[in-house]
Amino acid sequence: MREAGHDRGSQGALAAHRRDHGAGDGIAAASLNPKPRNFKAPAADWKNGNTEEGILKTINEGIPGTGMVSFKSLGADNVKEIAKYVRHLATAK
């Protein structure tokens, strides 16, 4: 499952967050303000929390005033796989 989410991320999101570890320091991050989410940040720092449900909300709705746009157009199954992958990155040691 994690591999599916890894492969389904949009190129823009991957450029912002970095596919391999999600530190928010991808090649596009330097031009974004506020900076992209570091998936290792504490749950309290996440706008909608770092639960799978909170991540789904963020991916589906985006976060106004940031570079995080809605990716709902990727389809429910793809968004769910991406959310699972982001959650994996958030909790991996």
PDB file of N, CA and C in Angstrom:
ATOM      1  N   MET A   1       0.806  -1.200   0.000  1.00  0.00           N
ATOM      2  CA  MET A   1       0.000   0.000   0.000  1.00  0.00           C
ATOM      3  C   MET A   1       0.843   1.256   0.000  1.00  0.00           C
ATOM      4  N   ARG A   2       1.856   1.297   0.840  1.00  0.00           N
ATOM      5  CA  ARG A   2       2.679   2.501   0.897  1.00  0.00           C
ATOM      6  C   ARG A   2       3.297   2.798  -0.457  1.00  0.00           C
ATOM      7  N   GLU A   3       3.691   1.765  -1.174  1.00  0.00           N
ATOM      8  CA  GLU A   3       4.297   1.974  -2.478  1.00  0.00           C
ATOM      9  C   GLU A   3       3.293   2.605  -3.432  1.00  0.00           C
ATOM     10  N   ALA A   4       2.027   2.213  -3.325  1.00  0.00           N
ATOM     11  CA  ALA A   4       0.999   2.783  -4.193  1.00  0.00           C
ATOM     12  C   ALA A   4       0.864   4.280  -3.933  1.00  0.00           C
ATOM     13  N   GLY A   5       0.800   4.691  -2.678  1.00  0.00           N
ATOM     14  CA  GLY A   5       0.709   6.111  -2.344  1.00  0.00           C
ATOM     15  C   GLY A   5       1.943   6.859  -2.783  1.00  0.00           C
ATOM     16  N   HIS A   6       3.078   6.232  -2.652  1.00  0.00           N
ATOM     17  CA  HIS A   6       4.346   6.805  -3.080  1.00  0.00           C
ATOM     18  C   HIS A   6       4.323   7.113  -4.564  1.00  0.00           C
ATOM     19  N   ASP A   7       3.765   6.202  -5.345  1.00  0.00           N
ATOM     20  CA  ASP A   7       3.738   6.354  -6.797  1.00  0.00           C
ATOM     21  C   ASP A   7       2.641   7.278  -7.289  1.00  0.00           C
ATOM     22  N   ARG A   8       1.631   7.535  -6.491  1.00  0.00           N
ATOM     23  CA  ARG A   8       0.466   8.296  -6.947  1.00  0.00           C
ATOM     24  C   ARG A   8       0.527   9.775  -6.612  1.00  0.00           C
ATOM     25  N   GLY A   9       1.518  10.211  -5.884  1.00  0.00           N
ATOM     26  CA  GLY A   9       1.618  11.620  -5.544  1.00  0.00           C
ATOM     27  C   GLY A   9       1.813  12.477  -6.781  1.00  0.00           C
ATOM     28  N   SER A  10       1.247  13.689  -6.744  1.00  0.00           N
ATOM     29  CA  SER A  10       1.420  14.592  -7.881  1.00  0.00           C
ATOM     30  C   SER A  10       2.861  15.089  -7.917  1.00  0.00           C
ATOM     31  N   GLN A  11       3.303  15.472  -9.079  1.00  0.00           N
ATOM     32  CA  GLN A  11       4.676  15.972  -9.213  1.00  0.00           C
ATOM     33  C   GLN A  11       4.893  17.236  -8.381  1.00  0.00           C
ATOM     34  N   GLY A  12       3.882  18.097  -8.299  1.00  0.00           N
ATOM     35  CA  GLY A  12       4.013  19.316  -7.498  1.00  0.00           C
ATOM     36  C   GLY A  12       4.187  19.021  -6.025  1.00  0.00           C
ATOM     37  N   ALA A  13       3.384  18.094  -5.516  1.00  0.00           N
ATOM     38  CA  ALA A  13       3.497  17.728  -4.103  1.00  0.00           C
ATOM     39  C   ALA A  13       4.833  17.063  -3.831  1.00  0.00           C
ATOM     40  N   LEU A  14       5.266  16.229  -4.738  1.00  0.00           N
ATOM     41  CA  LEU A  14       6.558  15.562  -4.555  1.00  0.00           C
ATOM     42  C   LEU A  14       7.690  16.574  -4.568  1.00  0.00           C
ATOM     43  N   ALA A  15       7.585  17.573  -5.422  1.00  0.00           N
ATOM     44  CA  ALA A  15       8.625  18.608  -5.488  1.00  0.00           C
ATOM     45  C   ALA A  15       8.658  19.445  -4.215  1.00  0.00           C
ATOM     46  N   ALA A  16       7.538  19.601  -3.559  1.00  0.00           N
ATOM     47  CA  ALA A  16       7.487  20.381  -2.324  1.00  0.00           C
ATOM     48  C   ALA A  16       7.922  19.574  -1.111  1.00  0.00           C
ATOM     49  N   HIS A  17       7.416  18.359  -0.979  1.00  0.00           N
ATOM     50  CA  HIS A  17       7.621  17.583   0.242  1.00  0.00           C
ATOM     51  C   HIS A  17       8.774  16.591   0.186  1.00  0.00           C
ATOM     52  N   ARG A  18       9.198  16.194  -0.954  1.00  0.00           N
ATOM     53  CA  ARG A  18      10.196  15.147  -1.212  1.00  0.00           C
ATOM     54  C   ARG A  18       9.596  13.772  -1.021  1.00  0.00           C
ATOM     55  N   ARG A  19       9.668  13.010  -2.055  1.00  0.00           N
ATOM     56  CA  ARG A  19       9.051  11.684  -2.096  1.00  0.00           C
ATOM     57  C   ARG A  19       9.649  10.731  -1.071  1.00  0.00           C
ATOM     58  N   ASP A  20      10.950  10.788  -0.871  1.00  0.00           N
ATOM     59  CA  ASP A  20      11.611   9.755  -0.081  1.00  0.00           C
ATOM     60  C   ASP A  20      11.432   9.886   1.419  1.00  0.00           C
ATOM     61  N   HIS A  21      11.312  11.117   1.942  1.00  0.00           N
ATOM     62  CA  HIS A  21      11.177  11.221   3.399  1.00  0.00           C
ATOM     63  C   HIS A  21      10.224  12.316   3.867  1.00  0.00           C
ATOM     64  N   GLY A  22       9.701  13.127   2.981  1.00  0.00           N
ATOM     65  CA  GLY A  22       8.664  14.076   3.342  1.00  0.00           C
ATOM     66  C   GLY A  22       9.077  15.184   4.277  1.00  0.00           C
ATOM     67  N   ALA A  23      10.305  15.657   4.171  1.00  0.00           N
ATOM     68  CA  ALA A  23      10.796  16.686   5.086  1.00  0.00           C
ATOM     69  C   ALA A  23      10.347  18.103   4.711  1.00  0.00           C
ATOM     70  N   GLY A  24       9.632  18.257   3.601  1.00  0.00           N
ATOM     71  CA  GLY A  24       9.200  19.588   3.184  1.00  0.00           C
ATOM     72  C   GLY A  24      10.314  20.395   2.562  1.00  0.00           C
ATOM     73  N   ASP A  25      11.366  19.725   2.114  1.00  0.00           N
ATOM     74  CA  ASP A  25      12.518  20.432   1.555  1.00  0.00           C
ATOM     75  C   ASP A  25      12.810  20.005   0.117  1.00  0.00           C
ATOM     76  N   GLY A  26      11.747  19.683  -0.625  1.00  0.00           N
ATOM     77  CA  GLY A  26      11.910  19.327  -2.025  1.00  0.00           C
ATOM     78  C   GLY A  26      12.360  20.522  -2.845  1.00  0.00           C
ATOM     79  N   ILE A  27      12.600  20.309  -4.128  1.00  0.00           N
ATOM     80  CA  ILE A  27      13.166  21.377  -4.963  1.00  0.00           C
ATOM     81  C   ILE A  27      12.247  22.589  -5.091  1.00  0.00           C
ATOM     82  N   ALA A  28      10.945  22.428  -4.940  1.00  0.00           N
ATOM     83  CA  ALA A  28      10.018  23.558  -5.039  1.00  0.00           C
ATOM     84  C   ALA A  28       9.860  24.295  -3.712  1.00  0.00           C
ATOM     85  N   ALA A  29      10.319  23.736  -2.633  1.00  0.00           N
ATOM     86  CA  ALA A  29      10.078  24.296  -1.301  1.00  0.00           C
ATOM     87  C   ALA A  29      10.664  25.691  -1.119  1.00  0.00           C
ATOM     88  N   ALA A  30      11.794  25.957  -1.717  1.00  0.00           N
ATOM     89  CA  ALA A  30      12.458  27.254  -1.535  1.00  0.00           C
ATOM     90  C   ALA A  30      11.594  28.409  -2.017  1.00  0.00           C
ATOM     91  N   SER A  31      10.724  28.168  -2.984  1.00  0.00           N
ATOM     92  CA  SER A  31       9.907  29.248  -3.529  1.00  0.00           C
ATOM     93  C   SER A  31       8.536  29.358  -2.868  1.00  0.00           C
ATOM     94  N   LEU A  32       8.257  28.531  -1.885  1.00  0.00           N
ATOM     95  CA  LEU A  32       6.943  28.533  -1.248  1.00  0.00           C
ATOM     96  C   LEU A  32       6.981  29.209   0.119  1.00  0.00           C
ATOM     97  N   ASN A  33       5.934  29.992   0.408  1.00  0.00           N
ATOM     98  CA  ASN A  33       5.803  30.648   1.700  1.00  0.00           C
ATOM     99  C   ASN A  33       4.322  30.633   2.055  1.00  0.00           C
ATOM    100  N   PRO A  34       3.912  29.938   3.090  1.00  0.00           N
ATOM    101  CA  PRO A  34       4.744  29.219   4.038  1.00  0.00           C
ATOM    102  C   PRO A  34       5.372  27.968   3.427  1.00  0.00           C
ATOM    103  N   LYS A  35       6.382  27.471   4.086  1.00  0.00           N
ATOM    104  CA  LYS A  35       7.098  26.280   3.624  1.00  0.00           C
ATOM    105  C   LYS A  35       6.188  25.051   3.698  1.00  0.00           C
ATOM    106  N   PRO A  36       6.427  24.065   2.845  1.00  0.00           N
ATOM    107  CA  PRO A  36       5.635  22.836   2.889  1.00  0.00           C
ATOM    108  C   PRO A  36       5.803  22.099   4.224  1.00  0.00           C
ATOM    109  N   ARG A  37       4.799  21.325   4.569  1.00  0.00           N
ATOM    110  CA  ARG A  37       4.801  20.550   5.807  1.00  0.00           C
ATOM    111  C   ARG A  37       5.955  19.560   5.834  1.00  0.00           C
ATOM    112  N   ASN A  38       6.655  19.533   6.938  1.00  0.00           N
ATOM    113  CA  ASN A  38       7.595  18.460   7.231  1.00  0.00           C
ATOM    114  C   ASN A  38       6.757  17.364   7.879  1.00  0.00           C
ATOM    115  N   PHE A  39       6.655  16.225   7.236  1.00  0.00           N
ATOM    116  CA  PHE A  39       5.791  15.167   7.734  1.00  0.00           C
ATOM    117  C   PHE A  39       6.254  14.582   9.060  1.00  0.00           C
ATOM    118  N   LYS A  40       7.447  14.932   9.510  1.00  0.00           N
ATOM    119  CA  LYS A  40       7.949  14.474  10.814  1.00  0.00           C
ATOM    120  C   LYS A  40       7.589  15.449  11.935  1.00  0.00           C
ATOM    121  N   ALA A  41       6.973  16.578  11.594  1.00  0.00           N
ATOM    122  CA  ALA A  41       6.616  17.575  12.604  1.00  0.00           C
ATOM    123  C   ALA A  41       5.591  16.994  13.577  1.00  0.00           C
ATOM    124  N   PRO A  42       5.571  17.505  14.815  1.00  0.00           N
ATOM    125  CA  PRO A  42       4.589  17.025  15.793  1.00  0.00           C
ATOM    126  C   PRO A  42       3.154  17.219  15.296  1.00  0.00           C
ATOM    127  N   ALA A  43       2.263  16.354  15.706  1.00  0.00           N
ATOM    128  CA  ALA A  43       0.869  16.397  15.260  1.00  0.00           C
ATOM    129  C   ALA A  43       0.236  17.766  15.486  1.00  0.00           C
ATOM    130  N   ALA A  44       0.594  18.432  16.583  1.00  0.00           N
ATOM    131  CA  ALA A  44       0.010  19.736  16.896  1.00  0.00           C
ATOM    132  C   ALA A  44       0.356  20.796  15.852  1.00  0.00           C
ATOM    133  N   ASP A  45       1.420  20.590  15.096  1.00  0.00           N
ATOM    134  CA  ASP A  45       1.831  21.546  14.072  1.00  0.00           C
ATOM    135  C   ASP A  45       1.061  21.385  12.764  1.00  0.00           C
ATOM    136  N   TRP A  46       0.334  20.296  12.614  1.00  0.00           N
ATOM    137  CA  TRP A  46      -0.405  20.020  11.377  1.00  0.00           C
ATOM    138  C   TRP A  46      -1.760  20.712  11.433  1.00  0.00           C
ATOM    139  N   LYS A  47      -2.136  21.412  10.384  1.00  0.00           N
ATOM    140  CA  LYS A  47      -3.411  22.142  10.336  1.00  0.00           C
ATOM    141  C   LYS A  47      -4.601  21.244  10.679  1.00  0.00           C
ATOM    142  N   ASN A  48      -4.660  20.067  10.072  1.00  0.00           N
ATOM    143  CA  ASN A  48      -5.774  19.149  10.300  1.00  0.00           C
ATOM    144  C   ASN A  48      -5.359  17.887  11.051  1.00  0.00           C
ATOM    145  N   GLY A  49      -4.202  17.912  11.681  1.00  0.00           N
ATOM    146  CA  GLY A  49      -3.699  16.757  12.410  1.00  0.00           C
ATOM    147  C   GLY A  49      -3.006  15.772  11.490  1.00  0.00           C
ATOM    148  N   ASN A  50      -2.243  14.854  12.066  1.00  0.00           N
ATOM    149  CA  ASN A  50      -1.494  13.884  11.254  1.00  0.00           C
ATOM    150  C   ASN A  50      -2.122  12.496  11.265  1.00  0.00           C
ATOM    151  N   THR A  51      -3.418  12.437  11.598  1.00  0.00           N
ATOM    152  CA  THR A  51      -4.139  11.170  11.472  1.00  0.00           C
ATOM    153  C   THR A  51      -4.479  10.964  10.000  1.00  0.00           C
ATOM    154  N   GLU A  52      -4.821   9.742   9.636  1.00  0.00           N
ATOM    155  CA  GLU A  52      -5.208   9.502   8.240  1.00  0.00           C
ATOM    156  C   GLU A  52      -6.408  10.375   7.855  1.00  0.00           C
ATOM    157  N   GLU A  53      -7.350  10.563   8.765  1.00  0.00           N
ATOM    158  CA  GLU A  53      -8.523  11.393   8.487  1.00  0.00           C
ATOM    159  C   GLU A  53      -8.133  12.856   8.262  1.00  0.00           C
ATOM    160  N   GLY A  54      -7.242  13.375   9.105  1.00  0.00           N
ATOM    161  CA  GLY A  54      -6.784  14.752   8.949  1.00  0.00           C
ATOM    162  C   GLY A  54      -6.007  14.959   7.660  1.00  0.00           C
ATOM    163  N   ILE A  55      -5.193  13.986   7.321  1.00  0.00           N
ATOM    164  CA  ILE A  55      -4.409  14.056   6.082  1.00  0.00           C
ATOM    165  C   ILE A  55      -5.343  14.000   4.876  1.00  0.00           C
ATOM    166  N   LEU A  56      -6.363  13.139   4.926  1.00  0.00           N
ATOM    167  CA  LEU A  56      -7.354  13.085   3.843  1.00  0.00           C
ATOM    168  C   LEU A  56      -8.037  14.432   3.673  1.00  0.00           C
ATOM    169  N   LYS A  57      -8.406  15.061   4.765  1.00  0.00           N
ATOM    170  CA  LYS A  57      -9.047  16.384   4.707  1.00  0.00           C
ATOM    171  C   LYS A  57      -8.134  17.393   4.021  1.00  0.00           C
ATOM    172  N   THR A  58      -6.873  17.399   4.399  1.00  0.00           N
ATOM    173  CA  THR A  58      -5.915  18.336   3.812  1.00  0.00           C
ATOM    174  C   THR A  58      -5.739  18.081   2.320  1.00  0.00           C
ATOM    175  N   ILE A  59      -5.580  16.829   1.931  1.00  0.00           N
ATOM    176  CA  ILE A  59      -5.377  16.503   0.521  1.00  0.00           C
ATOM    177  C   ILE A  59      -6.622  16.846  -0.296  1.00  0.00           C
ATOM    178  N   ASN A  60      -7.789  16.549   0.238  1.00  0.00           N
ATOM    179  CA  ASN A  60      -9.031  16.803  -0.487  1.00  0.00           C
ATOM    180  C   ASN A  60      -9.395  18.279  -0.575  1.00  0.00           C
ATOM    181  N   GLU A  61      -9.150  19.032   0.487  1.00  0.00           N
ATOM    182  CA  GLU A  61      -9.591  20.425   0.547  1.00  0.00           C
ATOM    183  C   GLU A  61      -8.484  21.438   0.307  1.00  0.00           C
ATOM    184  N   GLY A  62      -7.220  21.033   0.475  1.00  0.00           N
ATOM    185  CA  GLY A  62      -6.132  21.995   0.429  1.00  0.00           C
ATOM    186  C   GLY A  62      -6.130  22.846   1.692  1.00  0.00           C
ATOM    187  N   ILE A  63      -5.206  23.802   1.754  1.00  0.00           N
ATOM    188  CA  ILE A  63      -5.149  24.734   2.883  1.00  0.00           C
ATOM    189  C   ILE A  63      -5.060  26.137   2.300  1.00  0.00           C
ATOM    190  N   PRO A  64      -6.153  26.909   2.388  1.00  0.00           N
ATOM    191  CA  PRO A  64      -6.164  28.262   1.814  1.00  0.00           C
ATOM    192  C   PRO A  64      -4.999  29.107   2.340  1.00  0.00           C
ATOM    193  N   GLY A  65      -4.439  29.926   1.459  1.00  0.00           N
ATOM    194  CA  GLY A  65      -3.354  30.821   1.840  1.00  0.00           C
ATOM    195  C   GLY A  65      -1.986  30.171   1.818  1.00  0.00           C
ATOM    196  N   THR A  66      -1.924  28.921   1.349  1.00  0.00           N
ATOM    197  CA  THR A  66      -0.646  28.206   1.260  1.00  0.00           C
ATOM    198  C   THR A  66      -0.513  27.611  -0.140  1.00  0.00           C
ATOM    199  N   GLY A  67       0.590  26.965  -0.387  1.00  0.00           N
ATOM    200  CA  GLY A  67       0.786  26.256  -1.645  1.00  0.00           C
ATOM    201  C   GLY A  67       0.083  24.918  -1.680  1.00  0.00           C
ATOM    202  N   MET A  68      -0.573  24.534  -0.576  1.00  0.00           N
ATOM    203  CA  MET A  68      -1.263  23.244  -0.514  1.00  0.00           C
ATOM    204  C   MET A  68      -2.650  23.385  -1.121  1.00  0.00           C
ATOM    205  N   VAL A  69      -2.744  22.998  -2.394  1.00  0.00           N
ATOM    206  CA  VAL A  69      -4.020  23.037  -3.095  1.00  0.00           C
ATOM    207  C   VAL A  69      -4.731  21.694  -2.925  1.00  0.00           C
ATOM    208  N   SER A  70      -5.994  21.660  -3.281  1.00  0.00           N
ATOM    209  CA  SER A  70      -6.753  20.416  -3.250  1.00  0.00           C
ATOM    210  C   SER A  70      -6.248  19.473  -4.329  1.00  0.00           C
ATOM    211  N   PHE A  71      -6.112  18.215  -3.960  1.00  0.00           N
ATOM    212  CA  PHE A  71      -5.766  17.164  -4.920  1.00  0.00           C
ATOM    213  C   PHE A  71      -6.923  16.180  -5.068  1.00  0.00           C
ATOM    214  N   LYS A  72      -8.128  16.631  -4.757  1.00  0.00           N
ATOM    215  CA  LYS A  72      -9.320  15.792  -4.861  1.00  0.00           C
ATOM    216  C   LYS A  72      -9.496  15.243  -6.274  1.00  0.00           C
ATOM    217  N   SER A  73      -9.022  15.987  -7.256  1.00  0.00           N
ATOM    218  CA  SER A  73      -9.174  15.574  -8.660  1.00  0.00           C
ATOM    219  C   SER A  73      -8.413  14.285  -8.979  1.00  0.00           C
ATOM    220  N   LEU A  74      -7.513  13.860  -8.094  1.00  0.00           N
ATOM    221  CA  LEU A  74      -6.796  12.601  -8.310  1.00  0.00           C
ATOM    222  C   LEU A  74      -7.691  11.384  -8.101  1.00  0.00           C
ATOM    223  N   GLY A  75      -8.853  11.594  -7.493  1.00  0.00           N
ATOM    224  CA  GLY A  75      -9.785  10.498  -7.251  1.00  0.00           C
ATOM    225  C   GLY A  75      -9.648   9.948  -5.842  1.00  0.00           C
ATOM    226  N   ALA A  76     -10.753   9.465  -5.319  1.00  0.00           N
ATOM    227  CA  ALA A  76     -10.809   9.017  -3.923  1.00  0.00           C
ATOM    228  C   ALA A  76      -9.811   7.910  -3.608  1.00  0.00           C
ATOM    229  N   ASP A  77      -9.685   6.930  -4.484  1.00  0.00           N
ATOM    230  CA  ASP A  77      -8.756   5.822  -4.220  1.00  0.00           C
ATOM    231  C   ASP A  77      -7.311   6.301  -4.180  1.00  0.00           C
ATOM    232  N   ASN A  78      -6.927   7.143  -5.131  1.00  0.00           N
ATOM    233  CA  ASN A  78      -5.560   7.661  -5.144  1.00  0.00           C
ATOM    234  C   ASN A  78      -5.282   8.535  -3.929  1.00  0.00           C
ATOM    235  N   VAL A  79      -6.237   9.391  -3.578  1.00  0.00           N
ATOM    236  CA  VAL A  79      -6.064  10.263  -2.407  1.00  0.00           C
ATOM    237  C   VAL A  79      -5.905   9.421  -1.155  1.00  0.00           C
ATOM    238  N   LYS A  80      -6.672   8.361  -1.019  1.00  0.00           N
ATOM    239  CA  LYS A  80      -6.568   7.493   0.159  1.00  0.00           C
ATOM    240  C   LYS A  80      -5.189   6.835   0.232  1.00  0.00           C
ATOM    241  N   GLU A  81      -4.672   6.375  -0.894  1.00  0.00           N
ATOM    242  CA  GLU A  81      -3.335   5.756  -0.910  1.00  0.00           C
ATOM    243  C   GLU A  81      -2.255   6.785  -0.571  1.00  0.00           C
ATOM    244  N   ILE A  82      -2.394   7.990  -1.080  1.00  0.00           N
ATOM    245  CA  ILE A  82      -1.431   9.046  -0.769  1.00  0.00           C
ATOM    246  C   ILE A  82      -1.485   9.377   0.723  1.00  0.00           C
ATOM    247  N   ALA A  83      -2.691   9.472   1.282  1.00  0.00           N
ATOM    248  CA  ALA A  83      -2.829   9.758   2.715  1.00  0.00           C
ATOM    249  C   ALA A  83      -2.165   8.674   3.556  1.00  0.00           C
ATOM    250  N   LYS A  84      -2.330   7.439   3.164  1.00  0.00           N
ATOM    251  CA  LYS A  84      -1.679   6.343   3.893  1.00  0.00           C
ATOM    252  C   LYS A  84      -0.165   6.462   3.802  1.00  0.00           C
ATOM    253  N   TYR A  85       0.341   6.857   2.657  1.00  0.00           N
ATOM    254  CA  TYR A  85       1.787   7.012   2.495  1.00  0.00           C
ATOM    255  C   TYR A  85       2.304   8.187   3.334  1.00  0.00           C
ATOM    256  N   VAL A  86       1.576   9.300   3.328  1.00  0.00           N
ATOM    257  CA  VAL A  86       1.974  10.445   4.155  1.00  0.00           C
ATOM    258  C   VAL A  86       1.967  10.045   5.626  1.00  0.00           C
ATOM    259  N   ARG A  87       0.963   9.317   6.033  1.00  0.00           N
ATOM    260  CA  ARG A  87       0.901   8.850   7.427  1.00  0.00           C
ATOM    261  C   ARG A  87       2.083   7.953   7.753  1.00  0.00           C
ATOM    262  N   HIS A  88       2.442   7.091   6.823  1.00  0.00           N
ATOM    263  CA  HIS A  88       3.624   6.243   6.988  1.00  0.00           C
ATOM    264  C   HIS A  88       4.875   7.109   7.177  1.00  0.00           C
ATOM    265  N   LEU A  89       5.048   8.122   6.342  1.00  0.00           N
ATOM    266  CA  LEU A  89       6.209   9.004   6.480  1.00  0.00           C
ATOM    267  C   LEU A  89       6.190   9.721   7.830  1.00  0.00           C
ATOM    268  N   ALA A  90       5.021  10.102   8.276  1.00  0.00           N
ATOM    269  CA  ALA A  90       4.891  10.846   9.541  1.00  0.00           C
ATOM    270  C   ALA A  90       5.264   9.986  10.748  1.00  0.00           C
ATOM    271  N   THR A  91       5.041   8.692  10.650  1.00  0.00           N
ATOM    272  CA  THR A  91       5.267   7.831  11.809  1.00  0.00           C
ATOM    273  C   THR A  91       6.508   6.966  11.713  1.00  0.00           C
ATOM    274  N   ALA A  92       7.151   6.933  10.543  1.00  0.00           N
ATOM    275  CA  ALA A  92       8.357   6.113  10.360  1.00  0.00           C
ATOM    276  C   ALA A  92       9.497   6.682  11.187  1.00  0.00           C
ATOM    277  N   LYS A  93      10.253   5.807  11.760  1.00  0.00           N
ATOM    278  CA  LYS A  93      11.411   6.235  12.578  1.00  0.00           C
ATOM    279  C   LYS A  93      12.627   6.481  11.716  1.00  0.00           C
TER     280      LYS A  93
END
